[in-house]
Amino acid sequence: MGVATVAQLRGVPRTALCSALGARIGSHLAELALGRDDSPVVPKGPPKSVTVEDSFKGCAGWAAVKMQWTDAS
C-alpha cells in the first residue's frame, strides 16, 4: 500500500483498507486515522510525577501577570 504515516493512511479509502486487511482491521485503522477511538482509557499505574505551577503566585491580579509575562519575554 505504500503507507508510512497516519496522514497517508487517512487518504486511503476505507474500502481499500478493508480489501487489503480484512473488514474488521481495515475499518478499525480507518477510524483511528480519523482520530476516532472509543476504547476506554485505562491508567497503568500511579502518575510518575505531580507538579504545582506557581509562576504567577505572587501576582495580585491580571495586570501583575501581564507585567511579569512581558518582562519575561
N, C-alpha and C. Protein backbone atom coordinates (compact mmCIF):
# COMPACT_ATOMS: atom_id res chain seq x y z
N MET A 1 0.82 -1.20 0.00
CA MET A 1 0.00 0.00 0.00
C MET A 1 0.86 1.25 0.00
N GLY A 2 2.08 1.17 0.50
CA GLY A 2 2.96 2.33 0.50
C GLY A 2 2.58 3.40 1.51
N VAL A 3 1.97 2.99 2.61
CA VAL A 3 1.54 3.95 3.64
C VAL A 3 2.57 3.94 4.76
N ALA A 4 3.10 5.14 5.08
CA ALA A 4 4.10 5.23 6.14
C ALA A 4 3.66 6.13 7.28
N THR A 5 2.65 6.98 7.06
CA THR A 5 2.22 7.92 8.10
C THR A 5 0.70 7.84 8.27
N VAL A 6 0.25 8.37 9.38
CA VAL A 6 -1.20 8.42 9.63
C VAL A 6 -1.87 9.33 8.60
N ALA A 7 -1.20 10.42 8.22
CA ALA A 7 -1.75 11.32 7.21
C ALA A 7 -1.98 10.57 5.89
N GLN A 8 -1.04 9.73 5.52
CA GLN A 8 -1.22 8.93 4.31
C GLN A 8 -2.33 7.91 4.48
N LEU A 9 -2.39 7.29 5.66
CA LEU A 9 -3.44 6.31 5.94
C LEU A 9 -4.82 6.94 5.83
N ARG A 10 -4.92 8.19 6.31
CA ARG A 10 -6.19 8.91 6.25
C ARG A 10 -6.66 9.09 4.81
N GLY A 11 -5.73 9.13 3.87
CA GLY A 11 -6.09 9.30 2.47
C GLY A 11 -6.47 8.02 1.75
N VAL A 12 -6.27 6.88 2.39
CA VAL A 12 -6.61 5.60 1.76
C VAL A 12 -8.09 5.32 1.98
N PRO A 13 -8.83 5.03 0.92
CA PRO A 13 -10.26 4.72 1.09
C PRO A 13 -10.47 3.52 2.02
N ARG A 14 -11.51 3.60 2.81
CA ARG A 14 -11.83 2.51 3.74
C ARG A 14 -11.98 1.19 2.99
N THR A 15 -12.59 1.24 1.82
CA THR A 15 -12.78 0.00 1.04
C THR A 15 -11.45 -0.64 0.68
N ALA A 16 -10.44 0.17 0.37
CA ALA A 16 -9.12 -0.37 0.04
C ALA A 16 -8.47 -0.99 1.27
N LEU A 17 -8.63 -0.33 2.43
CA LEU A 17 -8.07 -0.90 3.66
C LEU A 17 -8.75 -2.22 4.00
N CYS A 18 -10.06 -2.26 3.85
CA CYS A 18 -10.81 -3.49 4.15
C CYS A 18 -10.45 -4.61 3.19
N SER A 19 -10.23 -4.27 1.92
CA SER A 19 -9.84 -5.30 0.95
C SER A 19 -8.48 -5.87 1.27
N ALA A 20 -7.55 -4.99 1.67
CA ALA A 20 -6.19 -5.43 1.92
C ALA A 20 -6.01 -6.10 3.28
N LEU A 21 -6.77 -5.64 4.29
CA LEU A 21 -6.52 -6.09 5.66
C LEU A 21 -7.68 -6.84 6.30
N GLY A 22 -8.79 -6.91 5.62
CA GLY A 22 -9.99 -7.51 6.20
C GLY A 22 -10.89 -6.42 6.75
N ALA A 23 -12.17 -6.72 6.83
CA ALA A 23 -13.16 -5.72 7.21
C ALA A 23 -12.93 -5.15 8.61
N ARG A 24 -12.64 -6.01 9.57
CA ARG A 24 -12.50 -5.55 10.95
C ARG A 24 -11.28 -4.65 11.13
N ILE A 25 -10.11 -5.11 10.71
CA ILE A 25 -8.88 -4.34 10.87
C ILE A 25 -8.90 -3.10 9.98
N GLY A 26 -9.36 -3.24 8.75
CA GLY A 26 -9.41 -2.11 7.83
C GLY A 26 -10.30 -0.99 8.35
N SER A 27 -11.47 -1.34 8.85
CA SER A 27 -12.39 -0.34 9.41
C SER A 27 -11.80 0.29 10.67
N HIS A 28 -11.17 -0.52 11.50
CA HIS A 28 -10.58 -0.02 12.73
C HIS A 28 -9.45 0.99 12.42
N LEU A 29 -8.57 0.65 11.49
CA LEU A 29 -7.50 1.56 11.11
C LEU A 29 -8.03 2.84 10.49
N ALA A 30 -9.08 2.73 9.68
CA ALA A 30 -9.68 3.93 9.08
C ALA A 30 -10.21 4.86 10.16
N GLU A 31 -10.85 4.30 11.17
CA GLU A 31 -11.36 5.12 12.28
C GLU A 31 -10.23 5.75 13.08
N LEU A 32 -9.20 4.97 13.39
CA LEU A 32 -8.06 5.51 14.14
C LEU A 32 -7.38 6.64 13.37
N ALA A 33 -7.26 6.49 12.06
CA ALA A 33 -6.62 7.52 11.24
C ALA A 33 -7.40 8.82 11.27
N LEU A 34 -8.69 8.74 11.53
CA LEU A 34 -9.54 9.92 11.63
C LEU A 34 -9.63 10.44 13.07
N GLY A 35 -8.90 9.81 13.97
CA GLY A 35 -8.89 10.26 15.36
C GLY A 35 -10.06 9.73 16.17
N ARG A 36 -10.70 8.71 15.69
CA ARG A 36 -11.85 8.14 16.40
C ARG A 36 -11.43 6.84 17.09
N ASP A 37 -11.54 6.82 18.39
CA ASP A 37 -11.19 5.63 19.17
C ASP A 37 -12.04 5.63 20.43
N ASP A 38 -12.98 4.73 20.50
CA ASP A 38 -13.89 4.69 21.65
C ASP A 38 -13.43 3.71 22.73
N SER A 39 -12.20 3.21 22.61
CA SER A 39 -11.73 2.30 23.65
C SER A 39 -11.48 3.09 24.94
N PRO A 40 -11.73 2.47 26.08
CA PRO A 40 -11.56 3.19 27.35
C PRO A 40 -10.10 3.49 27.65
N VAL A 41 -9.87 4.59 28.32
CA VAL A 41 -8.52 4.94 28.77
C VAL A 41 -8.34 4.30 30.14
N VAL A 42 -7.34 3.46 30.26
CA VAL A 42 -7.10 2.73 31.50
C VAL A 42 -5.71 3.09 32.02
N PRO A 43 -5.64 3.72 33.20
CA PRO A 43 -4.32 4.05 33.74
C PRO A 43 -3.53 2.79 34.06
N LYS A 44 -2.23 2.84 33.84
CA LYS A 44 -1.39 1.67 34.08
C LYS A 44 -0.59 1.79 35.36
N GLY A 45 -0.96 2.72 36.21
CA GLY A 45 -0.25 2.89 37.47
C GLY A 45 -0.35 4.32 37.94
N PRO A 46 0.31 4.62 39.05
CA PRO A 46 0.25 5.98 39.57
C PRO A 46 1.02 6.94 38.66
N PRO A 47 0.69 8.23 38.74
CA PRO A 47 1.43 9.21 37.93
C PRO A 47 2.92 9.17 38.28
N LYS A 48 3.75 9.41 37.26
CA LYS A 48 5.20 9.40 37.50
C LYS A 48 5.66 10.67 38.18
N SER A 49 4.92 11.76 37.99
CA SER A 49 5.29 13.00 38.67
C SER A 49 4.05 13.88 38.80
N VAL A 50 4.05 14.68 39.83
CA VAL A 50 2.97 15.63 40.07
C VAL A 50 3.65 16.96 40.37
N THR A 51 3.21 18.01 39.65
CA THR A 51 3.81 19.32 39.87
C THR A 51 2.74 20.32 40.23
N VAL A 52 3.18 21.41 40.81
CA VAL A 52 2.28 22.51 41.13
C VAL A 52 2.88 23.75 40.48
N GLU A 53 2.11 24.38 39.61
CA GLU A 53 2.57 25.58 38.92
C GLU A 53 2.42 26.77 39.84
N ASP A 54 3.51 27.52 40.03
CA ASP A 54 3.41 28.70 40.89
C ASP A 54 4.12 29.91 40.29
N SER A 55 4.24 29.95 38.97
CA SER A 55 4.93 31.04 38.30
C SER A 55 4.32 32.40 38.61
N PHE A 56 3.01 32.46 38.77
CA PHE A 56 2.33 33.74 38.98
C PHE A 56 1.74 33.84 40.39
N LYS A 57 2.27 33.05 41.30
CA LYS A 57 1.74 33.01 42.66
C LYS A 57 1.78 34.38 43.36
N GLY A 58 2.84 35.14 43.11
CA GLY A 58 2.98 36.43 43.76
C GLY A 58 2.23 37.56 43.09
N CYS A 59 1.51 37.27 42.00
CA CYS A 59 0.80 38.31 41.27
C CYS A 59 -0.57 38.55 41.90
N ALA A 60 -0.89 39.83 42.13
CA ALA A 60 -2.16 40.17 42.78
C ALA A 60 -3.33 40.22 41.80
N GLY A 61 -3.07 40.32 40.53
CA GLY A 61 -4.16 40.39 39.55
C GLY A 61 -3.61 40.26 38.14
N TRP A 62 -4.51 40.43 37.15
CA TRP A 62 -4.13 40.26 35.75
C TRP A 62 -3.08 41.27 35.30
N ALA A 63 -3.12 42.48 35.82
CA ALA A 63 -2.13 43.48 35.43
C ALA A 63 -0.73 43.03 35.85
N ALA A 64 -0.62 42.46 37.04
CA ALA A 64 0.68 41.97 37.52
C ALA A 64 1.14 40.77 36.70
N VAL A 65 0.22 39.90 36.32
CA VAL A 65 0.55 38.74 35.48
C VAL A 65 1.08 39.24 34.13
N LYS A 66 0.37 40.22 33.54
CA LYS A 66 0.77 40.75 32.24
C LYS A 66 2.17 41.38 32.34
N MET A 67 2.44 42.11 33.41
CA MET A 67 3.74 42.75 33.58
C MET A 67 4.83 41.68 33.71
N GLN A 68 4.56 40.64 34.48
CA GLN A 68 5.55 39.57 34.64
C GLN A 68 5.76 38.85 33.32
N TRP A 69 4.69 38.65 32.57
CA TRP A 69 4.76 37.96 31.28
C TRP A 69 5.60 38.76 30.29
N THR A 70 5.36 40.09 30.20
CA THR A 70 6.10 40.90 29.25
C THR A 70 7.55 41.08 29.68
N ASP A 71 7.82 41.09 30.99
CA ASP A 71 9.20 41.18 31.46
C ASP A 71 9.99 39.93 31.12
N ALA A 72 9.32 38.79 31.06
CA ALA A 72 9.99 37.52 30.80
C ALA A 72 10.34 37.36 29.32
N SER A 73 9.64 38.07 28.45
CA SER A 73 9.90 37.88 27.02
C SER A 73 10.91 38.82 26.45
